[in-house]
Amino acid sequence: MTAADPSPITDTIGKVLVVCSGQEADTDLLVAARGFAGPNGASLTVFSVVELPSDAAEWARAAQIDVEIAQARLVEDRRAALLARIEQTGPDDDISVEVRIGKPFIEIIRLVIAEGFDFVVKTAEPLQGVQRFLFSSTDQHLLRKCPCPVWLRKPGAPHAIGKVLAAVDVDLDDASEPETLELLNIRVMQTAARMSPISEAMVGVLHAWDAPGEGLVRLWASGPDSRVAAETYVASIHASRARAVEGLAAQVADRFDAAGLGRPTYHTILERGPVRSVIAEQTRALAADILVIGTVARTSLHGVIIGNTAEDVLNSIDCSVVAVKPPGFVTPLEF
């Protein structure tokens, strides 16, 4: 299958991993995860990782308890807390629960790979940096290294998703791997449609574009009116990008049709300017509930898993985020 092939979508969502902490925020997260998994026909697994303090041996010795017994108690306490949260959100017959000891991002990615999860849902843990919004270390690791899409849900976000914004880059001429970028764009838009199953939801497709040669056209145009030449150049770039975005939207809608999943409605938005500022401004202007973004479009370099532009964008917005990797991505972690 090529990027231009309008065949049915291939990215199924059959298994969703919900990463919980045993805290109050898990209740909202579980409600949102149920609302996402149900329409997609996916099963839910609730997963939590107990991270021991670095001085676990000394702590256990001071408490006069065997380390292994202490770990077992911590696991059972976390499991009980998770079961209580699940019970608050609905029946638990179809939800499995697993608790492990370890480093959270490592255990999450290890389980995703071992059991073939299609989606990770987690409450975002934002840290307020000196100059800009930052995600926690665990969230940053998942954004960079988890092979399946990761939904970092903003605390307090509404359960029902109303506005989803998909950020795409259709400047294939400037891409080092144009086919990979095109496939990533398709995956981003498919994911965005899946995030908004209700008919009244808005799925916006945002492309930040520019015409970097405008100044040179004004300077070097041989005709009598360089201004007209520059305006024509800018208009041609805008028209080309608009056609590309509209074509991409039609192609993905065709794939949903072919899969018998209905035809999503995409609203295309083109804004001129730097990617980081355009996306940040539009997520706020549209009051987007979720931004879906591809985090890398290069597969030839092992370990390059999030581009500088994507990382800048993720550190400049304050809505929930779904980060999508391109087909063929392999985590740099080794298990």
C-alpha atoms as a PDB file:
ATOM      1  CA  MET A   1       0.000   0.000   0.000  1.00  0.00           C
ATOM      2  CA  THR A   2       1.269   3.486  -0.826  1.00  0.00           C
ATOM      3  CA  ALA A   3       0.368   6.797   0.769  1.00  0.00           C
ATOM      4  CA  ALA A   4      -1.853   7.600  -2.225  1.00  0.00           C
ATOM      5  CA  ASP A   5      -3.758   4.300  -2.031  1.00  0.00           C
ATOM      6  CA  PRO A   6      -7.349   4.996  -0.856  1.00  0.00           C
ATOM      7  CA  SER A   7      -7.710   1.533   0.666  1.00  0.00           C
ATOM      8  CA  PRO A   8      -9.293   0.976   4.098  1.00  0.00           C
ATOM      9  CA  ILE A   9      -7.586   2.251   7.222  1.00  0.00           C
ATOM     10  CA  THR A  10      -5.207  -0.237   8.749  1.00  0.00           C
ATOM     11  CA  ASP A  11      -4.572   1.307  12.181  1.00  0.00           C
ATOM     12  CA  THR A  12      -7.072  -0.529  14.355  1.00  0.00           C
ATOM     13  CA  ILE A  13      -7.610   0.322  18.012  1.00  0.00           C
ATOM     14  CA  GLY A  14      -8.325  -2.982  19.718  1.00  0.00           C
ATOM     15  CA  LYS A  15      -6.379  -2.661  22.969  1.00  0.00           C
ATOM     16  CA  VAL A  16      -6.127   0.500  25.063  1.00  0.00           C
ATOM     17  CA  LEU A  17      -3.751   0.834  28.010  1.00  0.00           C
ATOM     18  CA  VAL A  18      -4.903   3.268  30.703  1.00  0.00           C
ATOM     19  CA  VAL A  19      -2.015   4.393  32.897  1.00  0.00           C
ATOM     20  CA  CYS A  20      -3.256   5.242  36.385  1.00  0.00           C
ATOM     21  CA  SER A  21      -1.627   6.334  39.621  1.00  0.00           C
ATOM     22  CA  GLY A  22      -4.214   5.295  42.187  1.00  0.00           C
ATOM     23  CA  GLN A  23      -5.087   8.938  42.804  1.00  0.00           C
ATOM     24  CA  GLU A  24      -8.312  10.935  42.431  1.00  0.00           C
ATOM     25  CA  ALA A  25      -7.426  12.055  38.885  1.00  0.00           C
ATOM     26  CA  ASP A  26      -7.802   8.436  37.766  1.00  0.00           C
ATOM     27  CA  THR A  27     -11.599   8.688  37.955  1.00  0.00           C
ATOM     28  CA  ASP A  28     -11.850  11.311  35.203  1.00  0.00           C
ATOM     29  CA  LEU A  29      -9.203   9.492  33.189  1.00  0.00           C
ATOM     30  CA  LEU A  30     -11.119   6.220  33.335  1.00  0.00           C
ATOM     31  CA  VAL A  31     -14.388   7.875  32.311  1.00  0.00           C
ATOM     32  CA  ALA A  32     -12.643   9.438  29.303  1.00  0.00           C
ATOM     33  CA  ALA A  33     -10.891   6.162  28.423  1.00  0.00           C
ATOM     34  CA  ARG A  34     -14.195   4.271  28.522  1.00  0.00           C
ATOM     35  CA  GLY A  35     -15.737   6.898  26.256  1.00  0.00           C
ATOM     36  CA  PHE A  36     -12.896   6.459  23.793  1.00  0.00           C
ATOM     37  CA  ALA A  37     -12.581   2.676  23.896  1.00  0.00           C
ATOM     38  CA  GLY A  38     -16.314   1.925  23.606  1.00  0.00           C
ATOM     39  CA  PRO A  39     -16.998   3.488  20.179  1.00  0.00           C
ATOM     40  CA  ASN A  40     -13.757   2.007  18.866  1.00  0.00           C
ATOM     41  CA  GLY A  41     -14.611  -1.475  20.127  1.00  0.00           C
ATOM     42  CA  ALA A  42     -11.429  -1.631  22.182  1.00  0.00           C
ATOM     43  CA  SER A  43     -10.662  -3.481  25.392  1.00  0.00           C
ATOM     44  CA  LEU A  44      -9.269  -1.622  28.404  1.00  0.00           C
ATOM     45  CA  THR A  45      -6.364  -2.575  30.607  1.00  0.00           C
ATOM     46  CA  VAL A  46      -5.690  -0.423  33.645  1.00  0.00           C
ATOM     47  CA  PHE A  47      -1.989  -0.312  34.408  1.00  0.00           C
ATOM     48  CA  SER A  48      -0.031   1.277  37.221  1.00  0.00           C
ATOM     49  CA  VAL A  49       3.643   1.318  38.130  1.00  0.00           C
ATOM     50  CA  VAL A  50       4.863   1.633  41.695  1.00  0.00           C
ATOM     51  CA  GLU A  51       8.209   3.407  41.674  1.00  0.00           C
ATOM     52  CA  LEU A  52      10.213   2.531  44.752  1.00  0.00           C
ATOM     53  CA  PRO A  53      12.394   5.150  46.472  1.00  0.00           C
ATOM     54  CA  SER A  54      16.095   4.850  45.786  1.00  0.00           C
ATOM     55  CA  ASP A  55      16.694   3.872  49.427  1.00  0.00           C
ATOM     56  CA  ALA A  56      14.089   1.094  49.459  1.00  0.00           C
ATOM     57  CA  ALA A  57      16.375  -1.341  51.267  1.00  0.00           C
ATOM     58  CA  GLU A  58      17.174   1.158  54.027  1.00  0.00           C
ATOM     59  CA  TRP A  59      13.533   2.181  54.308  1.00  0.00           C
ATOM     60  CA  ALA A  60      12.384  -1.426  54.663  1.00  0.00           C
ATOM     61  CA  ARG A  61      15.091  -2.139  57.217  1.00  0.00           C
ATOM     62  CA  ALA A  62      14.027   0.855  59.286  1.00  0.00           C
ATOM     63  CA  ALA A  63      10.425  -0.358  59.160  1.00  0.00           C
ATOM     64  CA  GLN A  64      11.580  -3.860  60.085  1.00  0.00           C
ATOM     65  CA  ILE A  65       9.965  -5.453  57.065  1.00  0.00           C
ATOM     66  CA  ASP A  66      11.340  -7.592  54.287  1.00  0.00           C
ATOM     67  CA  VAL A  67      11.761  -5.661  51.018  1.00  0.00           C
ATOM     68  CA  GLU A  68       9.836  -8.233  48.993  1.00  0.00           C
ATOM     69  CA  ILE A  69       6.950  -8.199  51.463  1.00  0.00           C
ATOM     70  CA  ALA A  70       6.922  -4.397  51.353  1.00  0.00           C
ATOM     71  CA  GLN A  71       6.795  -4.449  47.567  1.00  0.00           C
ATOM     72  CA  ALA A  72       3.950  -6.961  47.576  1.00  0.00           C
ATOM     73  CA  ARG A  73       1.971  -4.755  49.976  1.00  0.00           C
ATOM     74  CA  LEU A  74       2.547  -1.676  47.848  1.00  0.00           C
ATOM     75  CA  VAL A  75       1.337  -3.542  44.783  1.00  0.00           C
ATOM     76  CA  GLU A  76      -1.790  -4.807  46.532  1.00  0.00           C
ATOM     77  CA  ASP A  77      -2.553  -1.354  47.961  1.00  0.00           C
ATOM     78  CA  ARG A  78      -2.255   0.169  44.467  1.00  0.00           C
ATOM     79  CA  ARG A  79      -4.420  -2.584  42.967  1.00  0.00           C
ATOM     80  CA  ALA A  80      -7.112  -1.963  45.575  1.00  0.00           C
ATOM     81  CA  ALA A  81      -7.039   1.768  44.847  1.00  0.00           C
ATOM     82  CA  LEU A  82      -7.382   1.121  41.117  1.00  0.00           C
ATOM     83  CA  LEU A  83     -10.300  -1.281  41.580  1.00  0.00           C
ATOM     84  CA  ALA A  84     -12.070   1.312  43.710  1.00  0.00           C
ATOM     85  CA  ARG A  85     -11.632   3.960  40.993  1.00  0.00           C
ATOM     86  CA  ILE A  86     -12.828   1.576  38.300  1.00  0.00           C
ATOM     87  CA  GLU A  87     -15.929   0.732  40.320  1.00  0.00           C
ATOM     88  CA  GLN A  88     -16.785   4.448  40.472  1.00  0.00           C
ATOM     89  CA  THR A  89     -16.876   4.680  36.679  1.00  0.00           C
ATOM     90  CA  GLY A  90     -18.934   1.637  35.732  1.00  0.00           C
ATOM     91  CA  PRO A  91     -18.793  -2.166  35.465  1.00  0.00           C
ATOM     92  CA  ASP A  92     -15.360  -3.739  35.687  1.00  0.00           C
ATOM     93  CA  ASP A  93     -16.094  -7.116  34.080  1.00  0.00           C
ATOM     94  CA  ASP A  94     -14.316  -6.209  30.855  1.00  0.00           C
ATOM     95  CA  ILE A  95     -11.381  -4.328  32.401  1.00  0.00           C
ATOM     96  CA  SER A  96      -8.158  -6.026  33.450  1.00  0.00           C
ATOM     97  CA  VAL A  97      -5.810  -4.545  36.026  1.00  0.00           C
ATOM     98  CA  GLU A  98      -2.049  -4.900  36.268  1.00  0.00           C
ATOM     99  CA  VAL A  99       0.445  -3.356  38.696  1.00  0.00           C
ATOM    100  CA  ARG A 100       4.217  -3.553  38.437  1.00  0.00           C
ATOM    101  CA  ILE A 101       7.260  -2.299  40.305  1.00  0.00           C
ATOM    102  CA  GLY A 102       9.769  -0.259  38.306  1.00  0.00           C
ATOM    103  CA  LYS A 103      10.407   2.898  36.310  1.00  0.00           C
ATOM    104  CA  PRO A 104       7.053   4.044  34.945  1.00  0.00           C
ATOM    105  CA  PHE A 105       7.949   4.903  31.340  1.00  0.00           C
ATOM    106  CA  ILE A 106      10.059   1.753  30.937  1.00  0.00           C
ATOM    107  CA  GLU A 107       7.346  -0.545  32.271  1.00  0.00           C
ATOM    108  CA  ILE A 108       4.658   1.173  30.181  1.00  0.00           C
ATOM    109  CA  ILE A 109       6.607   0.819  26.942  1.00  0.00           C
ATOM    110  CA  ARG A 110       7.675  -2.724  27.828  1.00  0.00           C
ATOM    111  CA  LEU A 111       4.019  -3.733  28.267  1.00  0.00           C
ATOM    112  CA  VAL A 112       2.916  -1.939  25.089  1.00  0.00           C
ATOM    113  CA  ILE A 113       5.472  -3.907  23.067  1.00  0.00           C
ATOM    114  CA  ALA A 114       4.950  -7.246  24.833  1.00  0.00           C
ATOM    115  CA  GLU A 115       1.141  -7.260  24.567  1.00  0.00           C
ATOM    116  CA  GLY A 116       0.615  -5.188  21.424  1.00  0.00           C
ATOM    117  CA  PHE A 117      -1.363  -2.256  22.788  1.00  0.00           C
ATOM    118  CA  ASP A 118      -2.661   0.168  20.187  1.00  0.00           C
ATOM    119  CA  PHE A 119      -3.130   3.246  22.360  1.00  0.00           C
ATOM    120  CA  VAL A 120      -1.900   4.622  25.680  1.00  0.00           C
ATOM    121  CA  VAL A 121      -4.085   6.978  27.730  1.00  0.00           C
ATOM    122  CA  LYS A 122      -2.585   8.842  30.664  1.00  0.00           C
ATOM    123  CA  THR A 123      -3.207  11.961  32.725  1.00  0.00           C
ATOM    124  CA  ALA A 124      -0.641  14.588  31.759  1.00  0.00           C
ATOM    125  CA  GLU A 125       1.668  15.675  34.526  1.00  0.00           C
ATOM    126  CA  PRO A 126       2.561  19.239  33.539  1.00  0.00           C
ATOM    127  CA  LEU A 127       5.400  21.084  35.181  1.00  0.00           C
ATOM    128  CA  GLN A 128       5.497  24.858  35.012  1.00  0.00           C
ATOM    129  CA  GLY A 129       8.969  25.804  33.814  1.00  0.00           C
ATOM    130  CA  VAL A 130      10.593  29.179  34.147  1.00  0.00           C
ATOM    131  CA  GLN A 131       9.831  30.166  30.560  1.00  0.00           C
ATOM    132  CA  ARG A 132       7.418  27.644  29.107  1.00  0.00           C
ATOM    133  CA  PHE A 133       5.056  24.759  29.736  1.00  0.00           C
ATOM    134  CA  LEU A 134       6.805  21.426  30.208  1.00  0.00           C
ATOM    135  CA  PHE A 135       5.589  17.862  30.553  1.00  0.00           C
ATOM    136  CA  SER A 136       6.933  15.638  33.313  1.00  0.00           C
ATOM    137  CA  SER A 137       9.884  13.362  32.663  1.00  0.00           C
ATOM    138  CA  THR A 138       7.668  10.292  32.335  1.00  0.00           C
ATOM    139  CA  ASP A 139       5.425  12.022  29.795  1.00  0.00           C
ATOM    140  CA  GLN A 140       8.397  13.282  27.792  1.00  0.00           C
ATOM    141  CA  HIS A 141       9.793   9.744  27.602  1.00  0.00           C
ATOM    142  CA  LEU A 142       6.456   8.385  26.385  1.00  0.00           C
ATOM    143  CA  LEU A 143       6.136  11.108  23.748  1.00  0.00           C
ATOM    144  CA  ARG A 144       9.587  10.299  22.454  1.00  0.00           C
ATOM    145  CA  LYS A 145       9.801   6.531  22.800  1.00  0.00           C
ATOM    146  CA  CYS A 146       6.403   4.838  22.992  1.00  0.00           C
ATOM    147  CA  PRO A 147       5.675   3.117  19.650  1.00  0.00           C
ATOM    148  CA  CYS A 148       1.880   3.522  19.760  1.00  0.00           C
ATOM    149  CA  PRO A 149      -0.113   6.768  19.999  1.00  0.00           C
ATOM    150  CA  VAL A 150      -0.035   8.402  23.434  1.00  0.00           C
ATOM    151  CA  TRP A 151      -2.924  10.505  24.706  1.00  0.00           C
ATOM    152  CA  LEU A 152      -1.798  12.811  27.499  1.00  0.00           C
ATOM    153  CA  ARG A 153      -5.061  14.089  28.930  1.00  0.00           C
ATOM    154  CA  LYS A 154      -5.038  17.468  30.630  1.00  0.00           C
ATOM    155  CA  PRO A 155      -6.352  17.327  34.213  1.00  0.00           C
ATOM    156  CA  GLY A 156      -9.892  18.650  34.338  1.00  0.00           C
ATOM    157  CA  ALA A 157     -10.504  18.212  30.596  1.00  0.00           C
ATOM    158  CA  PRO A 158     -14.138  17.539  29.624  1.00  0.00           C
ATOM    159  CA  HIS A 159     -15.157  13.884  29.309  1.00  0.00           C
ATOM    160  CA  ALA A 160     -16.889  14.525  25.984  1.00  0.00           C
ATOM    161  CA  ILE A 161     -14.456  15.610  23.283  1.00  0.00           C
ATOM    162  CA  GLY A 162     -15.853  18.464  21.223  1.00  0.00           C
ATOM    163  CA  LYS A 163     -12.951  19.997  19.312  1.00  0.00           C
ATOM    164  CA  VAL A 164     -10.027  18.056  17.918  1.00  0.00           C
ATOM    165  CA  LEU A 165      -7.219  19.727  16.004  1.00  0.00           C
ATOM    166  CA  ALA A 166      -4.931  17.663  13.768  1.00  0.00           C
ATOM    167  CA  ALA A 167      -1.635  19.336  12.831  1.00  0.00           C
ATOM    168  CA  VAL A 168      -0.224  18.177   9.486  1.00  0.00           C
ATOM    169  CA  ASP A 169       2.799  19.062   7.383  1.00  0.00           C
ATOM    170  CA  VAL A 170       2.076  18.797   3.650  1.00  0.00           C
ATOM    171  CA  ASP A 171       5.347  20.381   2.528  1.00  0.00           C
ATOM    172  CA  LEU A 172       6.569  17.093   1.078  1.00  0.00           C
ATOM    173  CA  ASP A 173       9.104  18.759  -1.243  1.00  0.00           C
ATOM    174  CA  ASP A 174      11.180  19.851   1.746  1.00  0.00           C
ATOM    175  CA  ALA A 175      10.914  16.532   3.611  1.00  0.00           C
ATOM    176  CA  SER A 176      13.849  14.154   3.973  1.00  0.00           C
ATOM    177  CA  GLU A 177      11.433  11.195   3.787  1.00  0.00           C
ATOM    178  CA  PRO A 178       8.333  12.437   1.909  1.00  0.00           C
ATOM    179  CA  GLU A 179       6.511   9.093   1.843  1.00  0.00           C
ATOM    180  CA  THR A 180       7.011   8.632   5.584  1.00  0.00           C
ATOM    181  CA  LEU A 181       5.733  12.157   6.201  1.00  0.00           C
ATOM    182  CA  GLU A 182       2.663  11.537   4.043  1.00  0.00           C
ATOM    183  CA  LEU A 183       1.875   8.313   5.884  1.00  0.00           C
ATOM    184  CA  LEU A 184       2.347  10.122   9.196  1.00  0.00           C
ATOM    185  CA  ASN A 185      -0.122  12.820   8.087  1.00  0.00           C
ATOM    186  CA  ILE A 186      -2.677  10.104   7.265  1.00  0.00           C
ATOM    187  CA  ARG A 187      -2.154   8.469  10.650  1.00  0.00           C
ATOM    188  CA  VAL A 188      -2.568  11.813  12.431  1.00  0.00           C
ATOM    189  CA  MET A 189      -5.862  12.504  10.673  1.00  0.00           C
ATOM    190  CA  GLN A 190      -7.175   8.984  11.209  1.00  0.00           C
ATOM    191  CA  THR A 191      -6.386   9.286  14.898  1.00  0.00           C
ATOM    192  CA  ALA A 192      -8.062  12.682  15.118  1.00  0.00           C
ATOM    193  CA  ALA A 193     -11.269  11.256  13.628  1.00  0.00           C
ATOM    194  CA  ARG A 194     -11.203   8.372  16.094  1.00  0.00           C
ATOM    195  CA  MET A 195     -10.836  10.801  19.008  1.00  0.00           C
ATOM    196  CA  SER A 196     -14.152  12.484  18.156  1.00  0.00           C
ATOM    197  CA  PRO A 197     -16.799   9.816  17.576  1.00  0.00           C
ATOM    198  CA  ILE A 198     -19.762  12.099  18.248  1.00  0.00           C
ATOM    199  CA  SER A 199     -21.311  13.578  15.118  1.00  0.00           C
ATOM    200  CA  GLU A 200     -21.196  17.179  16.296  1.00  0.00           C
ATOM    201  CA  ALA A 201     -17.490  17.069  17.099  1.00  0.00           C
ATOM    202  CA  MET A 202     -15.207  19.386  15.161  1.00  0.00           C
ATOM    203  CA  VAL A 203     -12.149  17.879  13.495  1.00  0.00           C
ATOM    204  CA  GLY A 204      -9.894  20.672  12.327  1.00  0.00           C
ATOM    205  CA  VAL A 205      -6.910  20.041  10.071  1.00  0.00           C
ATOM    206  CA  LEU A 206      -4.303  22.717  10.632  1.00  0.00           C
ATOM    207  CA  HIS A 207      -1.353  23.430   8.379  1.00  0.00           C
ATOM    208  CA  ALA A 208       1.145  26.189   9.144  1.00  0.00           C
ATOM    209  CA  TRP A 209       2.678  27.414   5.915  1.00  0.00           C
ATOM    210  CA  ASP A 210       5.038  30.125   4.736  1.00  0.00           C
ATOM    211  CA  ALA A 211       6.533  31.548   1.553  1.00  0.00           C
ATOM    212  CA  PRO A 212      10.181  32.020   2.509  1.00  0.00           C
ATOM    213  CA  GLY A 213      11.232  33.250  -0.921  1.00  0.00           C
ATOM    214  CA  GLU A 214       8.907  36.270  -0.926  1.00  0.00           C
ATOM    215  CA  GLY A 215      11.661  38.734  -0.101  1.00  0.00           C
ATOM    216  CA  LEU A 216      13.926  37.395  -2.827  1.00  0.00           C
ATOM    217  CA  VAL A 217      11.139  37.599  -5.398  1.00  0.00           C
ATOM    218  CA  ARG A 218      10.572  41.238  -4.508  1.00  0.00           C
ATOM    219  CA  LEU A 219      14.287  41.885  -4.779  1.00  0.00           C
ATOM    220  CA  TRP A 220      15.041  40.022  -7.982  1.00  0.00           C
ATOM    221  CA  ALA A 221      11.820  40.078 -10.013  1.00  0.00           C
ATOM    222  CA  SER A 222      12.665  41.220 -13.536  1.00  0.00           C
ATOM    223  CA  GLY A 223       9.247  42.685 -14.317  1.00  0.00           C
ATOM    224  CA  PRO A 224       8.247  46.290 -13.701  1.00  0.00           C
ATOM    225  CA  ASP A 225       6.197  45.455 -10.595  1.00  0.00           C
ATOM    226  CA  SER A 226       8.065  43.239  -8.159  1.00  0.00           C
ATOM    227  CA  ARG A 227       5.231  43.563  -5.648  1.00  0.00           C
ATOM    228  CA  VAL A 228       2.801  41.814  -7.994  1.00  0.00           C
ATOM    229  CA  ALA A 229       5.351  39.072  -8.684  1.00  0.00           C
ATOM    230  CA  ALA A 230       5.842  38.512  -4.946  1.00  0.00           C
ATOM    231  CA  GLU A 231       2.099  38.425  -4.280  1.00  0.00           C
ATOM    232  CA  THR A 232       1.629  35.936  -7.119  1.00  0.00           C
ATOM    233  CA  TYR A 233       4.361  33.742  -5.667  1.00  0.00           C
ATOM    234  CA  VAL A 234       2.800  33.820  -2.180  1.00  0.00           C
ATOM    235  CA  ALA A 235      -0.661  33.065  -3.590  1.00  0.00           C
ATOM    236  CA  SER A 236       0.681  30.092  -5.536  1.00  0.00           C
ATOM    237  CA  ILE A 237       2.298  28.625  -2.408  1.00  0.00           C
ATOM    238  CA  HIS A 238      -0.931  29.077  -0.442  1.00  0.00           C
ATOM    239  CA  ALA A 239      -3.031  27.503  -3.205  1.00  0.00           C
ATOM    240  CA  SER A 240      -0.664  24.549  -3.503  1.00  0.00           C
ATOM    241  CA  ARG A 241      -0.770  23.848   0.241  1.00  0.00           C
ATOM    242  CA  ALA A 242      -4.555  24.261   0.323  1.00  0.00           C
ATOM    243  CA  ARG A 243      -4.946  21.669  -2.434  1.00  0.00           C
ATOM    244  CA  ALA A 244      -2.632  19.298  -0.593  1.00  0.00           C
ATOM    245  CA  VAL A 245      -4.546  19.601   2.690  1.00  0.00           C
ATOM    246  CA  GLU A 246      -7.923  19.198   0.993  1.00  0.00           C
ATOM    247  CA  GLY A 247      -6.636  16.189  -0.934  1.00  0.00           C
ATOM    248  CA  LEU A 248      -5.308  14.622   2.261  1.00  0.00           C
ATOM    249  CA  ALA A 249      -8.654  15.143   4.005  1.00  0.00           C
ATOM    250  CA  ALA A 250     -10.532  13.539   1.103  1.00  0.00           C
ATOM    251  CA  GLN A 251      -8.137  10.589   1.007  1.00  0.00           C
ATOM    252  CA  VAL A 252      -8.541   9.823   4.725  1.00  0.00           C
ATOM    253  CA  ALA A 253     -12.318  10.244   4.534  1.00  0.00           C
ATOM    254  CA  ASP A 254     -12.323   7.740   1.654  1.00  0.00           C
ATOM    255  CA  ARG A 255     -10.432   5.267   3.824  1.00  0.00           C
ATOM    256  CA  PHE A 256     -13.028   5.539   6.585  1.00  0.00           C
ATOM    257  CA  ASP A 257     -15.765   5.032   4.005  1.00  0.00           C
ATOM    258  CA  ALA A 258     -14.026   1.937   2.665  1.00  0.00           C
ATOM    259  CA  ALA A 259     -13.741   0.552   6.211  1.00  0.00           C
ATOM    260  CA  GLY A 260     -17.471   1.056   6.815  1.00  0.00           C
ATOM    261  CA  LEU A 261     -16.824   3.530   9.633  1.00  0.00           C
ATOM    262  CA  GLY A 262     -18.684   6.503   8.199  1.00  0.00           C
ATOM    263  CA  ARG A 263     -17.141   9.553   6.609  1.00  0.00           C
ATOM    264  CA  PRO A 264     -15.504  12.068   8.966  1.00  0.00           C
ATOM    265  CA  THR A 265     -15.893  15.760   8.222  1.00  0.00           C
ATOM    266  CA  TYR A 266     -12.659  17.720   8.286  1.00  0.00           C
ATOM    267  CA  HIS A 267     -12.427  21.499   8.472  1.00  0.00           C
ATOM    268  CA  THR A 268      -9.156  22.650   6.924  1.00  0.00           C
ATOM    269  CA  ILE A 269      -7.314  25.611   8.415  1.00  0.00           C
ATOM    270  CA  LEU A 270      -4.277  27.215   6.791  1.00  0.00           C
ATOM    271  CA  GLU A 271      -2.384  29.856   8.735  1.00  0.00           C
ATOM    272  CA  ARG A 272       0.806  31.545   7.631  1.00  0.00           C
ATOM    273  CA  GLY A 273       3.617  31.686  10.135  1.00  0.00           C
ATOM    274  CA  PRO A 274       6.082  29.615  12.186  1.00  0.00           C
ATOM    275  CA  VAL A 275       4.713  26.178  13.067  1.00  0.00           C
ATOM    276  CA  ARG A 276       5.159  26.509  16.814  1.00  0.00           C
ATOM    277  CA  SER A 277       3.382  29.853  17.149  1.00  0.00           C
ATOM    278  CA  VAL A 278       0.620  29.002  14.648  1.00  0.00           C
ATOM    279  CA  ILE A 279      -0.322  25.748  16.374  1.00  0.00           C
ATOM    280  CA  ALA A 280      -0.174  27.273  19.843  1.00  0.00           C
ATOM    281  CA  GLU A 281      -2.318  30.227  18.761  1.00  0.00           C
ATOM    282  CA  GLN A 282      -4.885  28.066  16.971  1.00  0.00           C
ATOM    283  CA  THR A 283      -5.317  25.595  19.828  1.00  0.00           C
ATOM    284  CA  ARG A 284      -6.200  28.570  22.015  1.00  0.00           C
ATOM    285  CA  ALA A 285      -8.284  30.429  19.429  1.00  0.00           C
ATOM    286  CA  LEU A 286     -10.364  27.329  18.650  1.00  0.00           C
ATOM    287  CA  ALA A 287     -10.493  26.220  22.292  1.00  0.00           C
ATOM    288  CA  ALA A 288      -9.337  22.796  21.132  1.00  0.00           C
ATOM    289  CA  ASP A 289      -9.851  19.931  23.555  1.00  0.00           C
ATOM    290  CA  ILE A 290      -7.111  17.836  21.941  1.00  0.00           C
ATOM    291  CA  LEU A 291      -4.197  18.426  19.591  1.00  0.00           C
ATOM    292  CA  VAL A 292      -3.157  15.410  17.506  1.00  0.00           C
ATOM    293  CA  ILE A 293       0.373  15.750  16.187  1.00  0.00           C
ATOM    294  CA  GLY A 294       2.988  13.566  14.574  1.00  0.00           C
ATOM    295  CA  THR A 295       6.142  13.528  16.626  1.00  0.00           C
ATOM    296  CA  VAL A 296       8.633  12.402  14.007  1.00  0.00           C
ATOM    297  CA  ALA A 297       8.895  12.019  10.260  1.00  0.00           C
ATOM    298  CA  ARG A 298      12.341  10.455   9.976  1.00  0.00           C
ATOM    299  CA  THR A 299      12.855   6.736  10.293  1.00  0.00           C
ATOM    300  CA  SER A 300      16.361   6.384   8.892  1.00  0.00           C
ATOM    301  CA  LEU A 301      18.144   7.537  12.042  1.00  0.00           C
ATOM    302  CA  HIS A 302      17.748   5.172  14.982  1.00  0.00           C
ATOM    303  CA  GLY A 303      16.882   7.072  18.125  1.00  0.00           C
ATOM    304  CA  VAL A 304      15.570  10.218  16.389  1.00  0.00           C
ATOM    305  CA  ILE A 305      12.057   9.949  17.694  1.00  0.00           C
ATOM    306  CA  ILE A 306      10.780  13.474  18.111  1.00  0.00           C
ATOM    307  CA  GLY A 307      11.599  16.408  15.899  1.00  0.00           C
ATOM    308  CA  ASN A 308      12.621  19.762  17.310  1.00  0.00           C
ATOM    309  CA  THR A 309       9.546  21.419  15.823  1.00  0.00           C
ATOM    310  CA  ALA A 310       7.151  18.921  17.410  1.00  0.00           C
ATOM    311  CA  GLU A 311       8.880  19.219  20.766  1.00  0.00           C
ATOM    312  CA  ASP A 312       8.680  23.017  20.619  1.00  0.00           C
ATOM    313  CA  VAL A 313       4.955  22.776  19.842  1.00  0.00           C
ATOM    314  CA  LEU A 314       4.270  20.344  22.675  1.00  0.00           C
ATOM    315  CA  ASN A 315       6.068  22.634  25.094  1.00  0.00           C
ATOM    316  CA  SER A 316       4.025  25.672  24.053  1.00  0.00           C
ATOM    317  CA  ILE A 317       0.414  24.459  24.332  1.00  0.00           C
ATOM    318  CA  ASP A 318      -1.789  23.718  27.307  1.00  0.00           C
ATOM    319  CA  CYS A 319      -4.503  21.427  25.914  1.00  0.00           C
ATOM    320  CA  SER A 320      -4.560  17.634  25.885  1.00  0.00           C
ATOM    321  CA  VAL A 321      -2.228  16.007  23.354  1.00  0.00           C
ATOM    322  CA  VAL A 322      -2.203  12.835  21.268  1.00  0.00           C
ATOM    323  CA  ALA A 323       1.269  12.084  19.909  1.00  0.00           C
ATOM    324  CA  VAL A 324       1.459   9.781  16.885  1.00  0.00           C
ATOM    325  CA  LYS A 325       4.508   8.011  15.453  1.00  0.00           C
ATOM    326  CA  PRO A 326       4.958   7.148  11.763  1.00  0.00           C
ATOM    327  CA  PRO A 327       4.613   3.600  10.444  1.00  0.00           C
ATOM    328  CA  GLY A 328       7.821   1.676  10.982  1.00  0.00           C
ATOM    329  CA  PHE A 329       8.860   3.517  14.122  1.00  0.00           C
ATOM    330  CA  VAL A 330      10.931   1.414  16.525  1.00  0.00           C
ATOM    331  CA  THR A 331      11.501   2.528  20.103  1.00  0.00           C
ATOM    332  CA  PRO A 332      15.152   3.196  20.976  1.00  0.00           C
ATOM    333  CA  LEU A 333      14.716   1.279  24.231  1.00  0.00           C
ATOM    334  CA  GLU A 334      16.136  -2.233  24.306  1.00  0.00           C
ATOM    335  CA  PHE A 335      14.421  -4.948  26.329  1.00  0.00           C
END
